[in-house]
Amino acid sequence: IVELFNSDVNKTSQLIFATHDTNLLSVKLLRRDQIDFVEKDKYGESH
């Protein structure tokens, strides 16, 4: 599915997703700027 959205077949659609699937963390699949992280600190605040 990620390959499909990242491909030339997809012209203008955007896919945003939350996941635990580390198999997608591949330089062949996603650029560095396509990967975000969320972390919660000891005060309960997410970043």
ModelCIF file with pLDDT and N, C-alpha, C, O atoms, coordinates in Angstrom:
data_MODEL
#
_entry.id   MODEL 
#
_entity.id                         1 
_entity.type                       polymer 
_entity.pdbx_number_of_molecules   1 
#
_entity_poly.entity_id                      1 
_entity_poly.type                           'polypeptide(L)' 
_entity_poly.nstd_linkage                   no 
_entity_poly.nstd_monomer                   no 
_entity_poly.pdbx_seq_one_letter_code       IVELFNSDVNKTSQLIFATHDTNLLSVKLLRRDQIDFVEKDKYGESH 
_entity_poly.pdbx_seq_one_letter_code_can   IVELFNSDVNKTSQLIFATHDTNLLSVKLLRRDQIDFVEKDKYGESH 
_entity_poly.pdbx_strand_id                 A 
#
loop_
_entity_poly_seq.entity_id 
_entity_poly_seq.num 
_entity_poly_seq.mon_id 
_entity_poly_seq.hetero 
1 1  ILE n 
1 2  VAL n 
1 3  GLU n 
1 4  LEU n 
1 5  PHE n 
1 6  ASN n 
1 7  SER n 
1 8  ASP n 
1 9  VAL n 
1 10 ASN n 
1 11 LYS n 
1 12 THR n 
1 13 SER n 
1 14 GLN n 
1 15 LEU n 
1 16 ILE n 
1 17 PHE n 
1 18 ALA n 
1 19 THR n 
1 20 HIS n 
1 21 ASP n 
1 22 THR n 
1 23 ASN n 
1 24 LEU n 
1 25 LEU n 
1 26 SER n 
1 27 VAL n 
1 28 LYS n 
1 29 LEU n 
1 30 LEU n 
1 31 ARG n 
1 32 ARG n 
1 33 ASP n 
1 34 GLN n 
1 35 ILE n 
1 36 ASP n 
1 37 PHE n 
1 38 VAL n 
1 39 GLU n 
1 40 LYS n 
1 41 ASP n 
1 42 LYS n 
1 43 TYR n 
1 44 GLY n 
1 45 GLU n 
1 46 SER n 
1 47 HIS n 
#
_struct_asym.id          A 
_struct_asym.entity_id   1 
#
loop_
_ma_qa_metric.id 
_ma_qa_metric.mode 
_ma_qa_metric.name 
_ma_qa_metric.software_group_id 
_ma_qa_metric.type 
1 global pLDDT . pLDDT 
2 local  pLDDT . pLDDT 
#
_ma_qa_metric_global.metric_id      1 
_ma_qa_metric_global.metric_value   93.89 
_ma_qa_metric_global.model_id       1 
_ma_qa_metric_global.ordinal_id     1 
#
loop_
_ma_qa_metric_local.label_asym_id 
_ma_qa_metric_local.label_comp_id 
_ma_qa_metric_local.label_seq_id 
_ma_qa_metric_local.metric_id 
_ma_qa_metric_local.metric_value 
_ma_qa_metric_local.model_id 
_ma_qa_metric_local.ordinal_id 
A ILE 1  2 94.00 1 1  
A VAL 2  2 95.00 1 2  
A GLU 3  2 95.00 1 3  
A LEU 4  2 94.00 1 4  
A PHE 5  2 96.00 1 5  
A ASN 6  2 94.00 1 6  
A SER 7  2 93.00 1 7  
A ASP 8  2 91.00 1 8  
A VAL 9  2 92.00 1 9  
A ASN 10 2 93.00 1 10 
A LYS 11 2 90.00 1 11 
A THR 12 2 92.00 1 12 
A SER 13 2 95.00 1 13 
A GLN 14 2 97.00 1 14 
A LEU 15 2 97.00 1 15 
A ILE 16 2 97.00 1 16 
A PHE 17 2 96.00 1 17 
A ALA 18 2 95.00 1 18 
A THR 19 2 94.00 1 19 
A HIS 20 2 93.00 1 20 
A ASP 21 2 92.00 1 21 
A THR 22 2 93.00 1 22 
A ASN 23 2 92.00 1 23 
A LEU 24 2 93.00 1 24 
A LEU 25 2 93.00 1 25 
A SER 26 2 90.00 1 26 
A VAL 27 2 88.00 1 27 
A LYS 28 2 89.00 1 28 
A LEU 29 2 91.00 1 29 
A LEU 30 2 93.00 1 30 
A ARG 31 2 91.00 1 31 
A ARG 32 2 91.00 1 32 
A ASP 33 2 93.00 1 33 
A GLN 34 2 95.00 1 34 
A ILE 35 2 95.00 1 35 
A ASP 36 2 97.00 1 36 
A PHE 37 2 97.00 1 37 
A VAL 38 2 96.00 1 38 
A GLU 39 2 96.00 1 39 
A LYS 40 2 95.00 1 40 
A ASP 41 2 94.00 1 41 
A LYS 42 2 94.00 1 42 
A TYR 43 2 95.00 1 43 
A GLY 44 2 96.00 1 44 
A GLU 45 2 97.00 1 45 
A SER 46 2 97.00 1 46 
A HIS 47 2 97.00 1 47 
#
loop_
_atom_site.group_PDB 
_atom_site.id 
_atom_site.type_symbol 
_atom_site.label_atom_id 
_atom_site.label_alt_id 
_atom_site.label_comp_id 
_atom_site.label_asym_id 
_atom_site.label_entity_id 
_atom_site.label_seq_id 
_atom_site.pdbx_PDB_ins_code 
_atom_site.Cartn_x 
_atom_site.Cartn_y 
_atom_site.Cartn_z 
_atom_site.occupancy 
_atom_site.B_iso_or_equiv 
_atom_site.pdbx_formal_charge 
_atom_site.auth_seq_id 
_atom_site.auth_comp_id 
_atom_site.auth_asym_id 
_atom_site.auth_atom_id 
_atom_site.pdbx_PDB_model_num 
ATOM 1   N N  . ILE A 1 1  ? 0.838  -1.205 0.000   1.00 94.00 ? 1  ILE A N  1 
ATOM 2   C CA . ILE A 1 1  ? 0.000  0.000  0.000   1.00 94.00 ? 1  ILE A CA 1 
ATOM 3   C C  . ILE A 1 1  ? 0.873  1.254  0.000   1.00 94.00 ? 1  ILE A C  1 
ATOM 4   O O  . ILE A 1 1  ? 0.602  2.198  -0.742  1.00 94.00 ? 1  ILE A O  1 
ATOM 5   N N  . VAL A 1 2  ? 1.916  1.268  0.826   1.00 95.00 ? 2  VAL A N  1 
ATOM 6   C CA . VAL A 1 2  ? 2.829  2.417  0.863   1.00 95.00 ? 2  VAL A CA 1 
ATOM 7   C C  . VAL A 1 2  ? 3.527  2.579  -0.484  1.00 95.00 ? 2  VAL A C  1 
ATOM 8   O O  . VAL A 1 2  ? 3.659  3.695  -0.986  1.00 95.00 ? 2  VAL A O  1 
ATOM 9   N N  . GLU A 1 3  ? 3.967  1.481  -1.064  1.00 95.00 ? 3  GLU A N  1 
ATOM 10  C CA . GLU A 1 3  ? 4.599  1.517  -2.387  1.00 95.00 ? 3  GLU A CA 1 
ATOM 11  C C  . GLU A 1 3  ? 3.653  2.115  -3.420  1.00 95.00 ? 3  GLU A C  1 
ATOM 12  O O  . GLU A 1 3  ? 4.072  2.896  -4.274  1.00 95.00 ? 3  GLU A O  1 
ATOM 13  N N  . LEU A 1 4  ? 2.379  1.747  -3.342  1.00 94.00 ? 4  LEU A N  1 
ATOM 14  C CA . LEU A 1 4  ? 1.380  2.249  -4.291  1.00 94.00 ? 4  LEU A CA 1 
ATOM 15  C C  . LEU A 1 4  ? 1.234  3.764  -4.182  1.00 94.00 ? 4  LEU A C  1 
ATOM 16  O O  . LEU A 1 4  ? 1.211  4.458  -5.198  1.00 94.00 ? 4  LEU A O  1 
ATOM 17  N N  . PHE A 1 5  ? 1.133  4.284  -2.953  1.00 96.00 ? 5  PHE A N  1 
ATOM 18  C CA . PHE A 1 5  ? 0.982  5.724  -2.770  1.00 96.00 ? 5  PHE A CA 1 
ATOM 19  C C  . PHE A 1 5  ? 2.257  6.478  -3.135  1.00 96.00 ? 5  PHE A C  1 
ATOM 20  O O  . PHE A 1 5  ? 2.190  7.617  -3.597  1.00 96.00 ? 5  PHE A O  1 
ATOM 21  N N  . ASN A 1 6  ? 3.395  5.868  -2.936  1.00 94.00 ? 6  ASN A N  1 
ATOM 22  C CA . ASN A 1 6  ? 4.663  6.531  -3.255  1.00 94.00 ? 6  ASN A CA 1 
ATOM 23  C C  . ASN A 1 6  ? 5.024  6.445  -4.736  1.00 94.00 ? 6  ASN A C  1 
ATOM 24  O O  . ASN A 1 6  ? 5.955  7.113  -5.186  1.00 94.00 ? 6  ASN A O  1 
ATOM 25  N N  . SER A 1 7  ? 4.293  5.623  -5.498  1.00 93.00 ? 7  SER A N  1 
ATOM 26  C CA . SER A 1 7  ? 4.634  5.365  -6.892  1.00 93.00 ? 7  SER A CA 1 
ATOM 27  C C  . SER A 1 7  ? 4.165  6.492  -7.819  1.00 93.00 ? 7  SER A C  1 
ATOM 28  O O  . SER A 1 7  ? 3.430  7.392  -7.410  1.00 93.00 ? 7  SER A O  1 
ATOM 29  N N  . ASP A 1 8  ? 4.610  6.417  -9.075  1.00 91.00 ? 8  ASP A N  1 
ATOM 30  C CA . ASP A 1 8  ? 4.212  7.393  -10.098 1.00 91.00 ? 8  ASP A CA 1 
ATOM 31  C C  . ASP A 1 8  ? 2.741  7.257  -10.488 1.00 91.00 ? 8  ASP A C  1 
ATOM 32  O O  . ASP A 1 8  ? 2.157  8.174  -11.065 1.00 91.00 ? 8  ASP A O  1 
ATOM 33  N N  . VAL A 1 9  ? 2.146  6.103  -10.168 1.00 92.00 ? 9  VAL A N  1 
ATOM 34  C CA . VAL A 1 9  ? 0.717  5.901  -10.466 1.00 92.00 ? 9  VAL A CA 1 
ATOM 35  C C  . VAL A 1 9  ? -0.137 6.895  -9.682  1.00 92.00 ? 9  VAL A C  1 
ATOM 36  O O  . VAL A 1 9  ? -1.141 7.398  -10.185 1.00 92.00 ? 9  VAL A O  1 
ATOM 37  N N  . ASN A 1 10 ? 0.273  7.170  -8.447  1.00 93.00 ? 10 ASN A N  1 
ATOM 38  C CA . ASN A 1 10 ? -0.409 8.142  -7.607  1.00 93.00 ? 10 ASN A CA 1 
ATOM 39  C C  . ASN A 1 10 ? 0.064  9.545  -7.972  1.00 93.00 ? 10 ASN A C  1 
ATOM 40  O O  . ASN A 1 10 ? 1.245  9.861  -7.828  1.00 93.00 ? 10 ASN A O  1 
ATOM 41  N N  . LYS A 1 11 ? -0.842 10.371 -8.436  1.00 90.00 ? 11 LYS A N  1 
ATOM 42  C CA . LYS A 1 11 ? -0.484 11.704 -8.895  1.00 90.00 ? 11 LYS A CA 1 
ATOM 43  C C  . LYS A 1 11 ? -0.578 12.767 -7.801  1.00 90.00 ? 11 LYS A C  1 
ATOM 44  O O  . LYS A 1 11 ? 0.334  13.581 -7.656  1.00 90.00 ? 11 LYS A O  1 
ATOM 45  N N  . THR A 1 12 ? -1.670 12.772 -7.030  1.00 92.00 ? 12 THR A N  1 
ATOM 46  C CA . THR A 1 12 ? -1.895 13.873 -6.088  1.00 92.00 ? 12 THR A CA 1 
ATOM 47  C C  . THR A 1 12 ? -2.365 13.453 -4.697  1.00 92.00 ? 12 THR A C  1 
ATOM 48  O O  . THR A 1 12 ? -2.477 14.307 -3.818  1.00 92.00 ? 12 THR A O  1 
ATOM 49  N N  . SER A 1 13 ? -2.641 12.178 -4.466  1.00 95.00 ? 13 SER A N  1 
ATOM 50  C CA . SER A 1 13 ? -3.144 11.753 -3.164  1.00 95.00 ? 13 SER A CA 1 
ATOM 51  C C  . SER A 1 13 ? -2.008 11.654 -2.144  1.00 95.00 ? 13 SER A C  1 
ATOM 52  O O  . SER A 1 13 ? -0.866 11.358 -2.495  1.00 95.00 ? 13 SER A O  1 
ATOM 53  N N  . GLN A 1 14 ? -2.347 11.909 -0.858  1.00 97.00 ? 14 GLN A N  1 
ATOM 54  C CA . GLN A 1 14 ? -1.376 11.816 0.228   1.00 97.00 ? 14 GLN A CA 1 
ATOM 55  C C  . GLN A 1 14 ? -1.863 10.830 1.284   1.00 97.00 ? 14 GLN A C  1 
ATOM 56  O O  . GLN A 1 14 ? -3.039 10.820 1.649   1.00 97.00 ? 14 GLN A O  1 
ATOM 57  N N  . LEU A 1 15 ? -0.946 10.006 1.766   1.00 97.00 ? 15 LEU A N  1 
ATOM 58  C CA . LEU A 1 15 ? -1.239 9.008  2.797   1.00 97.00 ? 15 LEU A CA 1 
ATOM 59  C C  . LEU A 1 15 ? -0.477 9.362  4.069   1.00 97.00 ? 15 LEU A C  1 
ATOM 60  O O  . LEU A 1 15 ? 0.750  9.459  4.058   1.00 97.00 ? 15 LEU A O  1 
ATOM 61  N N  . ILE A 1 16 ? -1.207 9.554  5.162   1.00 97.00 ? 16 ILE A N  1 
ATOM 62  C CA . ILE A 1 16 ? -0.629 9.774  6.484   1.00 97.00 ? 16 ILE A CA 1 
ATOM 63  C C  . ILE A 1 16 ? -1.075 8.616  7.366   1.00 97.00 ? 16 ILE A C  1 
ATOM 64  O O  . ILE A 1 16 ? -2.267 8.316  7.432   1.00 97.00 ? 16 ILE A O  1 
ATOM 65  N N  . PHE A 1 17 ? -0.143 7.964  8.042   1.00 96.00 ? 17 PHE A N  1 
ATOM 66  C CA . PHE A 1 17 ? -0.540 6.817  8.844   1.00 96.00 ? 17 PHE A CA 1 
ATOM 67  C C  . PHE A 1 17 ? 0.315  6.680  10.102  1.00 96.00 ? 17 PHE A C  1 
ATOM 68  O O  . PHE A 1 17 ? 1.500  7.014  10.108  1.00 96.00 ? 17 PHE A O  1 
ATOM 69  N N  . ALA A 1 18 ? -0.314 6.181  11.164  1.00 95.00 ? 18 ALA A N  1 
ATOM 70  C CA . ALA A 1 18 ? 0.378  5.831  12.400  1.00 95.00 ? 18 ALA A CA 1 
ATOM 71  C C  . ALA A 1 18 ? 0.562  4.327  12.434  1.00 95.00 ? 18 ALA A C  1 
ATOM 72  O O  . ALA A 1 18 ? -0.360 3.581  12.105  1.00 95.00 ? 18 ALA A O  1 
ATOM 73  N N  . THR A 1 19 ? 1.755  3.869  12.831  1.00 94.00 ? 19 THR A N  1 
ATOM 74  C CA . THR A 1 19 ? 2.055  2.446  12.728  1.00 94.00 ? 19 THR A CA 1 
ATOM 75  C C  . THR A 1 19 ? 3.145  2.016  13.705  1.00 94.00 ? 19 THR A C  1 
ATOM 76  O O  . THR A 1 19 ? 3.897  2.843  14.220  1.00 94.00 ? 19 THR A O  1 
ATOM 77  N N  . HIS A 1 20 ? 3.215  0.705  13.950  1.00 93.00 ? 20 HIS A N  1 
ATOM 78  C CA . HIS A 1 20 ? 4.330  0.079  14.661  1.00 93.00 ? 20 HIS A CA 1 
ATOM 79  C C  . HIS A 1 20 ? 5.178  -0.778 13.721  1.00 93.00 ? 20 HIS A C  1 
ATOM 80  O O  . HIS A 1 20 ? 6.194  -1.332 14.140  1.00 93.00 ? 20 HIS A O  1 
ATOM 81  N N  . ASP A 1 21 ? 4.774  -0.891 12.461  1.00 92.00 ? 21 ASP A N  1 
ATOM 82  C CA . ASP A 1 21 ? 5.405  -1.802 11.515  1.00 92.00 ? 21 ASP A CA 1 
ATOM 83  C C  . ASP A 1 21 ? 6.791  -1.288 11.108  1.00 92.00 ? 21 ASP A C  1 
ATOM 84  O O  . ASP A 1 21 ? 6.913  -0.426 10.238  1.00 92.00 ? 21 ASP A O  1 
ATOM 85  N N  . THR A 1 22 ? 7.814  -1.822 11.741  1.00 93.00 ? 22 THR A N  1 
ATOM 86  C CA . THR A 1 22 ? 9.183  -1.375 11.467  1.00 93.00 ? 22 THR A CA 1 
ATOM 87  C C  . THR A 1 22 ? 9.703  -1.846 10.113  1.00 93.00 ? 22 THR A C  1 
ATOM 88  O O  . THR A 1 22 ? 10.724 -1.352 9.635   1.00 93.00 ? 22 THR A O  1 
ATOM 89  N N  . ASN A 1 23 ? 9.006  -2.803 9.489   1.00 92.00 ? 23 ASN A N  1 
ATOM 90  C CA . ASN A 1 23 ? 9.415  -3.244 8.159   1.00 92.00 ? 23 ASN A CA 1 
ATOM 91  C C  . ASN A 1 23 ? 9.342  -2.108 7.129   1.00 92.00 ? 23 ASN A C  1 
ATOM 92  O O  . ASN A 1 23 ? 10.010 -2.145 6.097   1.00 92.00 ? 23 ASN A O  1 
ATOM 93  N N  . LEU A 1 24 ? 8.522  -1.106 7.430   1.00 93.00 ? 24 LEU A N  1 
ATOM 94  C CA . LEU A 1 24 ? 8.384  0.023  6.515   1.00 93.00 ? 24 LEU A CA 1 
ATOM 95  C C  . LEU A 1 24 ? 9.532  1.020  6.651   1.00 93.00 ? 24 LEU A C  1 
ATOM 96  O O  . LEU A 1 24 ? 9.689  1.915  5.820   1.00 93.00 ? 24 LEU A O  1 
ATOM 97  N N  . LEU A 1 25 ? 10.328 0.862  7.698   1.00 93.00 ? 25 LEU A N  1 
ATOM 98  C CA . LEU A 1 25 ? 11.451 1.772  7.928   1.00 93.00 ? 25 LEU A CA 1 
ATOM 99  C C  . LEU A 1 25 ? 12.632 1.372  7.060   1.00 93.00 ? 25 LEU A C  1 
ATOM 100 O O  . LEU A 1 25 ? 13.663 0.920  7.557   1.00 93.00 ? 25 LEU A O  1 
ATOM 101 N N  . SER A 1 26 ? 12.467 1.542  5.769   1.00 90.00 ? 26 SER A N  1 
ATOM 102 C CA . SER A 1 26 ? 13.489 1.168  4.798   1.00 90.00 ? 26 SER A CA 1 
ATOM 103 C C  . SER A 1 26 ? 13.795 2.355  3.898   1.00 90.00 ? 26 SER A C  1 
ATOM 104 O O  . SER A 1 26 ? 12.887 3.038  3.422   1.00 90.00 ? 26 SER A O  1 
ATOM 105 N N  . VAL A 1 27 ? 15.056 2.590  3.672   1.00 88.00 ? 27 VAL A N  1 
ATOM 106 C CA . VAL A 1 27 ? 15.472 3.683  2.789   1.00 88.00 ? 27 VAL A CA 1 
ATOM 107 C C  . VAL A 1 27 ? 14.979 3.457  1.365   1.00 88.00 ? 27 VAL A C  1 
ATOM 108 O O  . VAL A 1 27 ? 14.850 4.409  0.595   1.00 88.00 ? 27 VAL A O  1 
ATOM 109 N N  . LYS A 1 28 ? 14.703 2.200  1.009   1.00 89.00 ? 28 LYS A N  1 
ATOM 110 C CA . LYS A 1 28 ? 14.191 1.885  -0.319  1.00 89.00 ? 28 LYS A CA 1 
ATOM 111 C C  . LYS A 1 28 ? 12.704 2.218  -0.460  1.00 89.00 ? 28 LYS A C  1 
ATOM 112 O O  . LYS A 1 28 ? 12.190 2.325  -1.574  1.00 89.00 ? 28 LYS A O  1 
ATOM 113 N N  . LEU A 1 29 ? 12.019 2.378  0.668   1.00 91.00 ? 29 LEU A N  1 
ATOM 114 C CA . LEU A 1 29 ? 10.577 2.606  0.661   1.00 91.00 ? 29 LEU A CA 1 
ATOM 115 C C  . LEU A 1 29 ? 10.204 4.036  1.027   1.00 91.00 ? 29 LEU A C  1 
ATOM 116 O O  . LEU A 1 29 ? 9.376  4.656  0.359   1.00 91.00 ? 29 LEU A O  1 
ATOM 117 N N  . LEU A 1 30 ? 10.818 4.561  2.092   1.00 93.00 ? 30 LEU A N  1 
ATOM 118 C CA . LEU A 1 30 ? 10.478 5.884  2.593   1.00 93.00 ? 30 LEU A CA 1 
ATOM 119 C C  . LEU A 1 30 ? 11.709 6.786  2.669   1.00 93.00 ? 30 LEU A C  1 
ATOM 120 O O  . LEU A 1 30 ? 12.791 6.346  3.060   1.00 93.00 ? 30 LEU A O  1 
ATOM 121 N N  . ARG A 1 31 ? 11.533 8.031  2.298   1.00 91.00 ? 31 ARG A N  1 
ATOM 122 C CA . ARG A 1 31 ? 12.570 9.036  2.493   1.00 91.00 ? 31 ARG A CA 1 
ATOM 123 C C  . ARG A 1 31 ? 12.639 9.415  3.975   1.00 91.00 ? 31 ARG A C  1 
ATOM 124 O O  . ARG A 1 31 ? 11.712 9.162  4.745   1.00 91.00 ? 31 ARG A O  1 
ATOM 125 N N  . ARG A 1 32 ? 13.760 10.028 4.349   1.00 91.00 ? 32 ARG A N  1 
ATOM 126 C CA . ARG A 1 32 ? 13.916 10.459 5.743   1.00 91.00 ? 32 ARG A CA 1 
ATOM 127 C C  . ARG A 1 32 ? 12.838 11.457 6.160   1.00 91.00 ? 32 ARG A C  1 
ATOM 128 O O  . ARG A 1 32 ? 12.376 11.434 7.301   1.00 91.00 ? 32 ARG A O  1 
ATOM 129 N N  . ASP A 1 33 ? 12.438 12.333 5.236   1.00 93.00 ? 33 ASP A N  1 
ATOM 130 C CA . ASP A 1 33 ? 11.441 13.339 5.589   1.00 93.00 ? 33 ASP A CA 1 
ATOM 131 C C  . ASP A 1 33 ? 10.014 12.784 5.570   1.00 93.00 ? 33 ASP A C  1 
ATOM 132 O O  . ASP A 1 33 ? 9.059  13.506 5.857   1.00 93.00 ? 33 ASP A O  1 
ATOM 133 N N  . GLN A 1 34 ? 9.876  11.493 5.231   1.00 95.00 ? 34 GLN A N  1 
ATOM 134 C CA . GLN A 1 34 ? 8.574  10.837 5.276   1.00 95.00 ? 34 GLN A CA 1 
ATOM 135 C C  . GLN A 1 34 ? 8.362  10.054 6.579   1.00 95.00 ? 34 GLN A C  1 
ATOM 136 O O  . GLN A 1 34 ? 7.348  9.376  6.744   1.00 95.00 ? 34 GLN A O  1 
ATOM 137 N N  . ILE A 1 35 ? 9.316  10.153 7.490   1.00 95.00 ? 35 ILE A N  1 
ATOM 138 C CA . ILE A 1 35 ? 9.255  9.389  8.741   1.00 95.00 ? 35 ILE A CA 1 
ATOM 139 C C  . ILE A 1 35 ? 9.264  10.350 9.927   1.00 95.00 ? 35 ILE A C  1 
ATOM 140 O O  . ILE A 1 35 ? 10.203 11.128 10.099  1.00 95.00 ? 35 ILE A O  1 
ATOM 141 N N  . ASP A 1 36 ? 8.215  10.291 10.740  1.00 97.00 ? 36 ASP A N  1 
ATOM 142 C CA . ASP A 1 36 ? 8.119  11.081 11.964  1.00 97.00 ? 36 ASP A CA 1 
ATOM 143 C C  . ASP A 1 36 ? 8.047  10.161 13.182  1.00 97.00 ? 36 ASP A C  1 
ATOM 144 O O  . ASP A 1 36 ? 7.661  8.996  13.080  1.00 97.00 ? 36 ASP A O  1 
ATOM 145 N N  . PHE A 1 37 ? 8.427  10.709 14.326  1.00 97.00 ? 37 PHE A N  1 
ATOM 146 C CA . PHE A 1 37 ? 8.380  9.966  15.586  1.00 97.00 ? 37 PHE A CA 1 
ATOM 147 C C  . PHE A 1 37 ? 7.621  10.769 16.635  1.00 97.00 ? 37 PHE A C  1 
ATOM 148 O O  . PHE A 1 37 ? 7.616  11.999 16.617  1.00 97.00 ? 37 PHE A O  1 
ATOM 149 N N  . VAL A 1 38 ? 6.979  10.042 17.554  1.00 96.00 ? 38 VAL A N  1 
ATOM 150 C CA . VAL A 1 38 ? 6.302  10.661 18.694  1.00 96.00 ? 38 VAL A CA 1 
ATOM 151 C C  . VAL A 1 38 ? 6.870  10.052 19.968  1.00 96.00 ? 38 VAL A C  1 
ATOM 152 O O  . VAL A 1 38 ? 6.962  8.831  20.099  1.00 96.00 ? 38 VAL A O  1 
ATOM 153 N N  . GLU A 1 39 ? 7.247  10.910 20.895  1.00 96.00 ? 39 GLU A N  1 
ATOM 154 C CA . GLU A 1 39 ? 7.787  10.440 22.174  1.00 96.00 ? 39 GLU A CA 1 
ATOM 155 C C  . GLU A 1 39 ? 7.157  11.237 23.303  1.00 96.00 ? 39 GLU A C  1 
ATOM 156 O O  . GLU A 1 39 ? 6.982  12.451 23.193  1.00 96.00 ? 39 GLU A O  1 
ATOM 157 N N  . LYS A 1 40 ? 6.818  10.558 24.383  1.00 95.00 ? 40 LYS A N  1 
ATOM 158 C CA . LYS A 1 40 ? 6.230  11.210 25.545  1.00 95.00 ? 40 LYS A CA 1 
ATOM 159 C C  . LYS A 1 40 ? 7.282  11.335 26.646  1.00 95.00 ? 40 LYS A C  1 
ATOM 160 O O  . LYS A 1 40 ? 7.956  10.362 26.983  1.00 95.00 ? 40 LYS A O  1 
ATOM 161 N N  . ASP A 1 41 ? 7.417  12.549 27.207  1.00 94.00 ? 41 ASP A N  1 
ATOM 162 C CA . ASP A 1 41 ? 8.418  12.760 28.249  1.00 94.00 ? 41 ASP A CA 1 
ATOM 163 C C  . ASP A 1 41 ? 7.859  12.421 29.632  1.00 94.00 ? 41 ASP A C  1 
ATOM 164 O O  . ASP A 1 41 ? 6.703  12.018 29.757  1.00 94.00 ? 41 ASP A O  1 
ATOM 165 N N  . LYS A 1 42 ? 8.680  12.585 30.665  1.00 94.00 ? 42 LYS A N  1 
ATOM 166 C CA . LYS A 1 42 ? 8.287  12.193 32.021  1.00 94.00 ? 42 LYS A CA 1 
ATOM 167 C C  . LYS A 1 42 ? 7.174  13.057 32.599  1.00 94.00 ? 42 LYS A C  1 
ATOM 168 O O  . LYS A 1 42 ? 6.587  12.714 33.625  1.00 94.00 ? 42 LYS A O  1 
ATOM 169 N N  . TYR A 1 43 ? 6.879  14.191 31.934  1.00 95.00 ? 43 TYR A N  1 
ATOM 170 C CA . TYR A 1 43 ? 5.796  15.062 32.384  1.00 95.00 ? 43 TYR A CA 1 
ATOM 171 C C  . TYR A 1 43 ? 4.478  14.769 31.663  1.00 95.00 ? 43 TYR A C  1 
ATOM 172 O O  . TYR A 1 43 ? 3.503  15.507 31.803  1.00 95.00 ? 43 TYR A O  1 
ATOM 173 N N  . GLY A 1 44 ? 4.468  13.674 30.884  1.00 96.00 ? 44 GLY A N  1 
ATOM 174 C CA . GLY A 1 44 ? 3.255  13.284 30.173  1.00 96.00 ? 44 GLY A CA 1 
ATOM 175 C C  . GLY A 1 44 ? 3.002  14.053 28.897  1.00 96.00 ? 44 GLY A C  1 
ATOM 176 O O  . GLY A 1 44 ? 1.906  13.988 28.340  1.00 96.00 ? 44 GLY A O  1 
ATOM 177 N N  . GLU A 1 45 ? 4.012  14.788 28.420  1.00 97.00 ? 45 GLU A N  1 
ATOM 178 C CA . GLU A 1 45 ? 3.853  15.614 27.221  1.00 97.00 ? 45 GLU A CA 1 
ATOM 179 C C  . GLU A 1 45 ? 4.426  14.899 25.999  1.00 97.00 ? 45 GLU A C  1 
ATOM 180 O O  . GLU A 1 45 ? 5.558  14.416 26.033  1.00 97.00 ? 45 GLU A O  1 
ATOM 181 N N  . SER A 1 46 ? 3.648  14.832 24.928  1.00 97.00 ? 46 SER A N  1 
ATOM 182 C CA . SER A 1 46 ? 4.086  14.212 23.679  1.00 97.00 ? 46 SER A CA 1 
ATOM 183 C C  . SER A 1 46 ? 4.813  15.226 22.801  1.00 97.00 ? 46 SER A C  1 
ATOM 184 O O  . SER A 1 46 ? 4.484  16.413 22.785  1.00 97.00 ? 46 SER A O  1 
ATOM 185 N N  . HIS A 1 47 ? 5.822  14.719 22.063  1.00 97.00 ? 47 HIS A N  1 
ATOM 186 C CA . HIS A 1 47 ? 6.596  15.556 21.151  1.00 97.00 ? 47 HIS A CA 1 
ATOM 187 C C  . HIS A 1 47 ? 6.677  14.857 19.797  1.00 97.00 ? 47 HIS A C  1 
ATOM 188 O O  . HIS A 1 47 ? 7.286  15.383 18.866  1.00 97.00 ? 47 HIS A O  1 
#
